[in-house]
C-alpha atoms as a PDB file:
ATOM      1  CA  MET A   1     -73.638  63.230  34.218  1.00  0.00           C
ATOM      2  CA  THR A   2     -71.717  62.314  31.554  1.00  0.00           C
ATOM      3  CA  GLU A   3     -73.346  58.982  29.442  1.00  0.00           C
ATOM      4  CA  VAL A   4     -70.814  56.498  28.893  1.00  0.00           C
ATOM      5  CA  LYS A   5     -71.591  54.566  25.703  1.00  0.00           C
ATOM      6  CA  GLU A   6     -71.241  51.071  25.576  1.00  0.00           C
ATOM      7  CA  GLU A   7     -68.674  49.504  23.004  1.00  0.00           C
ATOM      8  CA  LYS A   8     -70.452  47.208  20.655  1.00  0.00           C
ATOM      9  CA  VAL A   9     -68.990  43.870  20.255  1.00  0.00           C
ATOM     10  CA  LEU A  10     -68.277  42.900  16.551  1.00  0.00           C
ATOM     11  CA  ASN A  11     -69.435  39.288  15.842  1.00  0.00           C
ATOM     12  CA  LEU A  12     -67.519  36.959  13.984  1.00  0.00           C
ATOM     13  CA  GLN A  13     -68.800  37.463  10.519  1.00  0.00           C
ATOM     14  CA  GLN A  14     -68.149  41.167  10.803  1.00  0.00           C
ATOM     15  CA  ARG A  15     -64.581  40.424  11.908  1.00  0.00           C
ATOM     16  CA  LYS A  16     -63.919  38.271   8.636  1.00  0.00           C
ATOM     17  CA  SER A  17     -65.207  40.835   6.612  1.00  0.00           C
ATOM     18  CA  ILE A  18     -62.659  43.344   8.075  1.00  0.00           C
ATOM     19  CA  VAL A  19     -59.903  40.750   7.212  1.00  0.00           C
ATOM     20  CA  ARG A  20     -61.054  40.493   3.615  1.00  0.00           C
ATOM     21  CA  LYS A  21     -61.420  44.801   3.175  1.00  0.00           C
ATOM     22  CA  ALA A  22     -58.013  44.725   5.013  1.00  0.00           C
ATOM     23  CA  LEU A  23     -56.996  42.047   1.825  1.00  0.00           C
ATOM     24  CA  ALA A  24     -58.687  44.189  -0.709  1.00  0.00           C
ATOM     25  CA  GLU A  25     -56.956  47.426   0.255  1.00  0.00           C
ATOM     26  CA  LYS A  26     -53.825  45.963  -0.388  1.00  0.00           C
ATOM     27  CA  GLY A  27     -54.376  45.109  -3.742  1.00  0.00           C
ATOM     28  CA  ILE A  28     -52.507  42.887  -5.754  1.00  0.00           C
ATOM     29  CA  LEU A  29     -49.738  40.574  -3.449  1.00  0.00           C
ATOM     30  CA  LYS A  30     -46.204  40.608  -4.661  1.00  0.00           C
ATOM     31  CA  ARG A  31     -45.083  37.086  -4.651  1.00  0.00           C
ATOM     32  CA  GLU A  32     -41.726  37.235  -2.483  1.00  0.00           C
ATOM     33  CA  GLY A  33     -40.815  33.344  -2.313  1.00  0.00           C
ATOM     34  CA  LYS A  34     -37.978  32.444  -5.034  1.00  0.00           C
ATOM     35  CA  ASN A  35     -37.234  28.581  -6.599  1.00  0.00           C
ATOM     36  CA  SER A  36     -33.635  29.565  -7.538  1.00  0.00           C
ATOM     37  CA  PHE A  37     -33.478  25.773  -8.919  1.00  0.00           C
ATOM     38  CA  ASP A  38     -36.709  26.045 -11.289  1.00  0.00           C
ATOM     39  CA  LYS A  39     -36.341  29.806 -11.792  1.00  0.00           C
ATOM     40  CA  TYR A  40     -40.215  31.022 -10.562  1.00  0.00           C
ATOM     41  CA  SER A  41     -41.599  33.190  -7.786  1.00  0.00           C
ATOM     42  CA  TYR A  42     -44.379  32.314  -5.581  1.00  0.00           C
ATOM     43  CA  PHE A  43     -46.623  33.689  -2.660  1.00  0.00           C
ATOM     44  CA  SER A  44     -44.747  31.579   0.267  1.00  0.00           C
ATOM     45  CA  GLU A  45     -45.887  30.298   3.325  1.00  0.00           C
ATOM     46  CA  ALA A  46     -44.071  32.983   5.581  1.00  0.00           C
ATOM     47  CA  GLN A  47     -46.098  35.622   3.504  1.00  0.00           C
ATOM     48  CA  TYR A  48     -49.205  33.944   4.415  1.00  0.00           C
ATOM     49  CA  LYS A  49     -48.458  33.626   8.159  1.00  0.00           C
ATOM     50  CA  GLU A  50     -47.244  37.531   8.427  1.00  0.00           C
ATOM     51  CA  LEU A  51     -50.116  38.457   6.735  1.00  0.00           C
ATOM     52  CA  PHE A  52     -52.931  36.688   8.153  1.00  0.00           C
ATOM     53  CA  THR A  53     -51.280  37.170  11.903  1.00  0.00           C
ATOM     54  CA  LYS A  54     -51.442  40.405  11.268  1.00  0.00           C
ATOM     55  CA  PHE A  55     -55.060  40.566   9.621  1.00  0.00           C
ATOM     56  CA  PHE A  56     -56.553  38.223  12.270  1.00  0.00           C
ATOM     57  CA  SER A  57     -55.145  40.204  15.382  1.00  0.00           C
ATOM     58  CA  ASP A  58     -56.331  43.494  14.140  1.00  0.00           C
ATOM     59  CA  ALA A  59     -59.760  42.161  13.500  1.00  0.00           C
ATOM     60  CA  GLY A  60     -60.218  40.110  16.965  1.00  0.00           C
ATOM     61  CA  ILE A  61     -59.992  36.359  15.953  1.00  0.00           C
ATOM     62  CA  ASP A  62     -58.213  33.785  16.979  1.00  0.00           C
ATOM     63  CA  PHE A  63     -56.928  31.204  14.511  1.00  0.00           C
ATOM     64  CA  THR A  64     -55.944  27.218  15.028  1.00  0.00           C
ATOM     65  CA  ALA A  65     -55.458  24.497  12.817  1.00  0.00           C
ATOM     66  CA  ASP A  66     -55.389  21.106  13.680  1.00  0.00           C
ATOM     67  CA  GLU A  67     -54.468  17.855  12.143  1.00  0.00           C
ATOM     68  CA  GLU A  68     -57.455  15.649  11.898  1.00  0.00           C
ATOM     69  CA  LEU A  69     -56.437  13.243   9.828  1.00  0.00           C
ATOM     70  CA  ILE A  70     -52.879  12.303   8.055  1.00  0.00           C
ATOM     71  CA  GLU A  71     -52.940   9.447   4.863  1.00  0.00           C
ATOM     72  CA  GLU A  72     -50.095   8.017   3.070  1.00  0.00           C
ATOM     73  CA  ILE A  73     -50.714   8.240  -0.822  1.00  0.00           C
ATOM     74  CA  ALA A  74     -48.982   7.038  -3.809  1.00  0.00           C
ATOM     75  CA  GLY A  75     -46.262   9.573  -5.256  1.00  0.00           C
ATOM     76  CA  THR A  76     -44.331   9.354  -8.601  1.00  0.00           C
ATOM     77  CA  GLU A  77     -41.361   8.254  -9.523  1.00  0.00           C
ATOM     78  CA  LYS A  78     -39.144  11.565  -9.549  1.00  0.00           C
ATOM     79  CA  MET A  79     -41.598  12.225  -5.706  1.00  0.00           C
ATOM     80  CA  PRO A  80     -42.176   8.927  -4.195  1.00  0.00           C
ATOM     81  CA  PHE A  81     -43.354  10.148  -0.894  1.00  0.00           C
ATOM     82  CA  GLY A  82     -46.963  11.637  -0.874  1.00  0.00           C
ATOM     83  CA  ARG A  83     -49.101  12.315   2.294  1.00  0.00           C
ATOM     84  CA  ARG A  84     -52.669  13.895   2.488  1.00  0.00           C
ATOM     85  CA  ILE A  85     -53.804  15.662   5.524  1.00  0.00           C
ATOM     86  CA  LYS A  86     -56.982  17.123   7.044  1.00  0.00           C
ATOM     87  CA  LEU A  87     -56.937  20.327   8.652  1.00  0.00           C
ATOM     88  CA  LYS A  88     -59.732  21.516  11.377  1.00  0.00           C
ATOM     89  CA  ILE A  89     -59.441  24.741  11.266  1.00  0.00           C
ATOM     90  CA  THR A  90     -61.131  27.248  14.046  1.00  0.00           C
ATOM     91  CA  LEU A  91     -61.829  30.675  14.154  1.00  0.00           C
ATOM     92  CA  THR A  92     -62.956  32.150  17.238  1.00  0.00           C
ATOM     93  CA  ASN A  93     -63.969  35.881  18.464  1.00  0.00           C
ATOM     94  CA  ILE A  94     -61.513  36.898  20.704  1.00  0.00           C
ATOM     95  CA  ASP A  95     -64.302  39.100  22.749  1.00  0.00           C
ATOM     96  CA  LYS A  96     -66.953  36.448  22.561  1.00  0.00           C
ATOM     97  CA  PRO A  97     -65.003  33.262  22.881  1.00  0.00           C
ATOM     98  CA  GLN A  98     -68.269  30.890  22.711  1.00  0.00           C
ATOM     99  CA  GLU A  99     -68.278  32.132  18.849  1.00  0.00           C
ATOM    100  CA  THR A 100     -66.676  29.738  16.682  1.00  0.00           C
ATOM    101  CA  GLU A 101     -66.595  28.823  13.197  1.00  0.00           C
ATOM    102  CA  THR A 102     -65.042  25.480  12.517  1.00  0.00           C
ATOM    103  CA  VAL A 103     -64.214  24.363   8.982  1.00  0.00           C
ATOM    104  CA  TYR A 104     -62.107  21.254   7.172  1.00  0.00           C
ATOM    105  CA  SER A 105     -59.488  21.810   4.690  1.00  0.00           C
ATOM    106  CA  SER A 106     -57.233  19.086   2.859  1.00  0.00           C
ATOM    107  CA  GLY A 107     -54.063  19.279   1.033  1.00  0.00           C
ATOM    108  CA  GLU A 108     -51.864  16.786  -0.695  1.00  0.00           C
ATOM    109  CA  GLY A 109     -48.180  16.764  -0.712  1.00  0.00           C
ATOM    110  CA  MET A 110     -45.171  14.837  -2.803  1.00  0.00           C
ATOM    111  CA  ASP A 111     -41.846  14.937  -2.160  1.00  0.00           C
ATOM    112  CA  LYS A 112     -38.525  12.993  -2.803  1.00  0.00           C
ATOM    113  CA  GLY A 113     -37.790  13.146   1.016  1.00  0.00           C
ATOM    114  CA  ASP A 114     -39.419  14.098   3.843  1.00  0.00           C
ATOM    115  CA  LYS A 115     -41.368  17.016   3.306  1.00  0.00           C
ATOM    116  CA  ALA A 116     -44.566  15.558   1.932  1.00  0.00           C
ATOM    117  CA  LEU A 117     -46.762  16.023   4.907  1.00  0.00           C
ATOM    118  CA  TYR A 118     -45.219  19.512   5.457  1.00  0.00           C
ATOM    119  CA  LYS A 119     -46.224  20.724   1.670  1.00  0.00           C
ATOM    120  CA  ALA A 120     -49.732  18.750   2.080  1.00  0.00           C
ATOM    121  CA  LYS A 121     -50.225  20.756   5.331  1.00  0.00           C
ATOM    122  CA  THR A 122     -49.186  24.038   3.771  1.00  0.00           C
ATOM    123  CA  GLY A 123     -51.236  23.510   0.607  1.00  0.00           C
ATOM    124  CA  ALA A 124     -54.232  23.183   3.212  1.00  0.00           C
ATOM    125  CA  LEU A 125     -53.765  26.239   5.237  1.00  0.00           C
ATOM    126  CA  LYS A 126     -52.994  28.006   2.044  1.00  0.00           C
ATOM    127  CA  TYR A 127     -56.190  26.679   0.213  1.00  0.00           C
ATOM    128  CA  TYR A 128     -58.559  27.845   3.185  1.00  0.00           C
ATOM    129  CA  LEU A 129     -57.042  30.921   3.538  1.00  0.00           C
ATOM    130  CA  ALA A 130     -57.315  31.853  -0.096  1.00  0.00           C
ATOM    131  CA  ASP A 131     -60.743  30.172  -0.322  1.00  0.00           C
ATOM    132  CA  ASN A 132     -62.073  31.850   2.265  1.00  0.00           C
ATOM    133  CA  PHE A 133     -60.556  35.360   2.323  1.00  0.00           C
ATOM    134  CA  MET A 134     -60.135  35.519  -1.518  1.00  0.00           C
ATOM    135  CA  VAL A 135     -56.342  35.745  -1.297  1.00  0.00           C
ATOM    136  CA  ALA A 136     -56.028  35.922  -5.510  1.00  0.00           C
ATOM    137  CA  THR A 137     -52.190  34.830  -5.936  1.00  0.00           C
ATOM    138  CA  GLY A 138     -52.297  32.312  -9.101  1.00  0.00           C
ATOM    139  CA  ASP A 139     -49.916  29.920  -7.936  1.00  0.00           C
ATOM    140  CA  ASP A 140     -49.418  26.768  -5.590  1.00  0.00           C
ATOM    141  CA  PRO A 141     -45.638  26.493  -5.125  1.00  0.00           C
ATOM    142  CA  GLU A 142     -45.945  23.064  -3.113  1.00  0.00           C
ATOM    143  CA  THR A 143     -46.806  21.055  -6.530  1.00  0.00           C
ATOM    144  CA  GLU A 144     -45.901  23.518  -9.500  1.00  0.00           C
ATOM    145  CA  THR A 145     -43.436  22.192 -12.237  1.00  0.00           C
ATOM    146  CA  PRO A 146     -41.891  24.831 -14.588  1.00  0.00           C
ATOM    147  CA  ASP A 147     -41.160  23.770 -17.906  1.00  0.00           C
ATOM    148  CA  ALA A 148     -37.312  23.937 -19.390  1.00  0.00           C
ATOM    149  CA  GLU A 149     -37.919  28.026 -20.077  1.00  0.00           C
ATOM    150  CA  GLY A 150     -38.840  28.765 -16.501  1.00  0.00           C
ATOM    151  CA  LYS A 151     -42.354  28.567 -16.641  1.00  0.00           C
ATOM    152  CA  PRO A 152     -44.585  26.609 -15.095  1.00  0.00           C
ATOM    153  CA  LYS A 153     -46.245  23.828 -17.046  1.00  0.00           C
ATOM    154  CA  ALA A 154     -49.957  23.536 -17.567  1.00  0.00           C
ATOM    155  CA  GLU A 155     -51.864  21.394 -14.986  1.00  0.00           C
ATOM    156  CA  PRO A 156     -53.866  18.523 -16.256  1.00  0.00           C
ATOM    157  CA  LEU A 157     -57.571  19.250 -16.176  1.00  0.00           C
ATOM    158  CA  ALA A 158     -60.188  17.766 -14.547  1.00  0.00           C
ATOM    159  CA  THR A 159     -61.657  14.557 -15.540  1.00  0.00           C
ATOM    160  CA  GLN A 160     -65.478  14.326 -16.347  1.00  0.00           C
ATOM    161  CA  LYS A 161     -66.312  12.371 -13.308  1.00  0.00           C
ATOM    162  CA  GLN A 162     -64.904  14.525 -10.836  1.00  0.00           C
ATOM    163  CA  ILE A 163     -66.705  17.393 -12.636  1.00  0.00           C
ATOM    164  CA  GLU A 164     -69.719  15.193 -12.145  1.00  0.00           C
ATOM    165  CA  LEU A 165     -68.923  14.552  -8.550  1.00  0.00           C
ATOM    166  CA  ILE A 166     -68.417  18.265  -7.878  1.00  0.00           C
ATOM    167  CA  ILE A 167     -72.056  19.448  -9.834  1.00  0.00           C
ATOM    168  CA  SER A 168     -73.766  16.843  -7.658  1.00  0.00           C
ATOM    169  CA  LYS A 169     -71.936  18.352  -4.332  1.00  0.00           C
ATOM    170  CA  TYR A 170     -72.378  21.802  -4.790  1.00  0.00           C
ATOM    171  CA  THR A 171     -75.174  24.295  -6.065  1.00  0.00           C
ATOM    172  CA  GLU A 172     -74.988  26.257  -9.302  1.00  0.00           C
ATOM    173  CA  GLU A 173     -74.110  29.435  -6.760  1.00  0.00           C
ATOM    174  CA  GLN A 174     -71.760  28.007  -4.685  1.00  0.00           C
ATOM    175  CA  ILE A 175     -69.546  26.697  -7.980  1.00  0.00           C
ATOM    176  CA  GLN A 176     -69.795  29.785  -9.705  1.00  0.00           C
ATOM    177  CA  ALA A 177     -68.419  31.543  -6.496  1.00  0.00           C
ATOM    178  CA  MET A 178     -65.447  29.273  -6.595  1.00  0.00           C
ATOM    179  CA  LEU A 179     -64.835  29.279 -10.197  1.00  0.00           C
ATOM    180  CA  GLY A 180     -64.577  33.079  -9.560  1.00  0.00           C
ATOM    181  CA  ARG A 181     -62.117  33.066  -6.723  1.00  0.00           C
ATOM    182  CA  MET A 182     -59.903  30.837  -9.009  1.00  0.00           C
ATOM    183  CA  ASN A 183     -60.138  33.177 -12.052  1.00  0.00           C
ATOM    184  CA  HIS A 184     -62.155  30.544 -14.086  1.00  0.00           C
ATOM    185  CA  LYS A 185     -64.805  31.087 -16.357  1.00  0.00           C
ATOM    186  CA  SER A 186     -66.218  27.597 -16.659  1.00  0.00           C
ATOM    187  CA  ILE A 187     -66.172  24.634 -14.857  1.00  0.00           C
ATOM    188  CA  ASN A 188     -64.221  23.103 -17.478  1.00  0.00           C
ATOM    189  CA  GLU A 189     -61.215  25.253 -17.034  1.00  0.00           C
ATOM    190  CA  ILE A 190     -60.501  23.796 -13.481  1.00  0.00           C
ATOM    191  CA  THR A 191     -57.488  21.357 -12.659  1.00  0.00           C
ATOM    192  CA  LEU A 192     -57.010  17.770 -11.658  1.00  0.00           C
ATOM    193  CA  LYS A 193     -55.998  19.249  -8.683  1.00  0.00           C
ATOM    194  CA  GLU A 194     -58.491  22.191  -7.853  1.00  0.00           C
ATOM    195  CA  ALA A 195     -61.438  19.324  -8.850  1.00  0.00           C
ATOM    196  CA  SER A 196     -59.796  17.374  -6.175  1.00  0.00           C
ATOM    197  CA  ARG A 197     -59.827  20.000  -3.410  1.00  0.00           C
ATOM    198  CA  MET A 198     -63.221  21.029  -4.258  1.00  0.00           C
ATOM    199  CA  ILE A 199     -64.479  17.476  -3.945  1.00  0.00           C
ATOM    200  CA  ASN A 200     -63.027  16.779  -0.426  1.00  0.00           C
ATOM    201  CA  ARG A 201     -63.771  19.783   0.763  1.00  0.00           C
ATOM    202  CA  ASP A 202     -65.706  19.738   3.755  1.00  0.00           C
ATOM    203  CA  ARG A 203     -68.593  22.043   3.906  1.00  0.00           C
ATOM    204  CA  GLN A 204     -70.149  23.273   7.695  1.00  0.00           C
END
């Protein structure tokens, strides 16, 4: 009688590792999004969706992102409309639906028209995916503003108050891990925007 071996069901963390390995094997990801007006390239939302739809499917992970909170924030003279969003992101093991992982990700967006909420949501999704699966693209097209030569302007650095809040919220190990994903050697190198995301990030 032939013995039938039972196939091992992977847990969610193992499935997440499969996604990370697949990303690592792809190497440096090419930026295919083009801003023809300001003349710079970026890793687009469409690329993120195409990439992770395949990887999550291959790894047996179901992904959902629900809007938990939407707030109006002050914009700028050129971008008068501002929105902040908080997304509830859930990963589910398709073979064990009772095994889930839920985290929250925040994003902010400003626009001269009606795209502020879209930018905020896109930013929150990209931040979650890049931060949790180590997608190193080095860009943020939703708020990046190039200078007259077509090069992105330097982002303002985090305030001392923000740095103090980050130090009080996270352990040294967690801070170093996040700095590594952002390609920073010191907490003093993080930008105002990066600091805001670190402070608003909910940990489960």
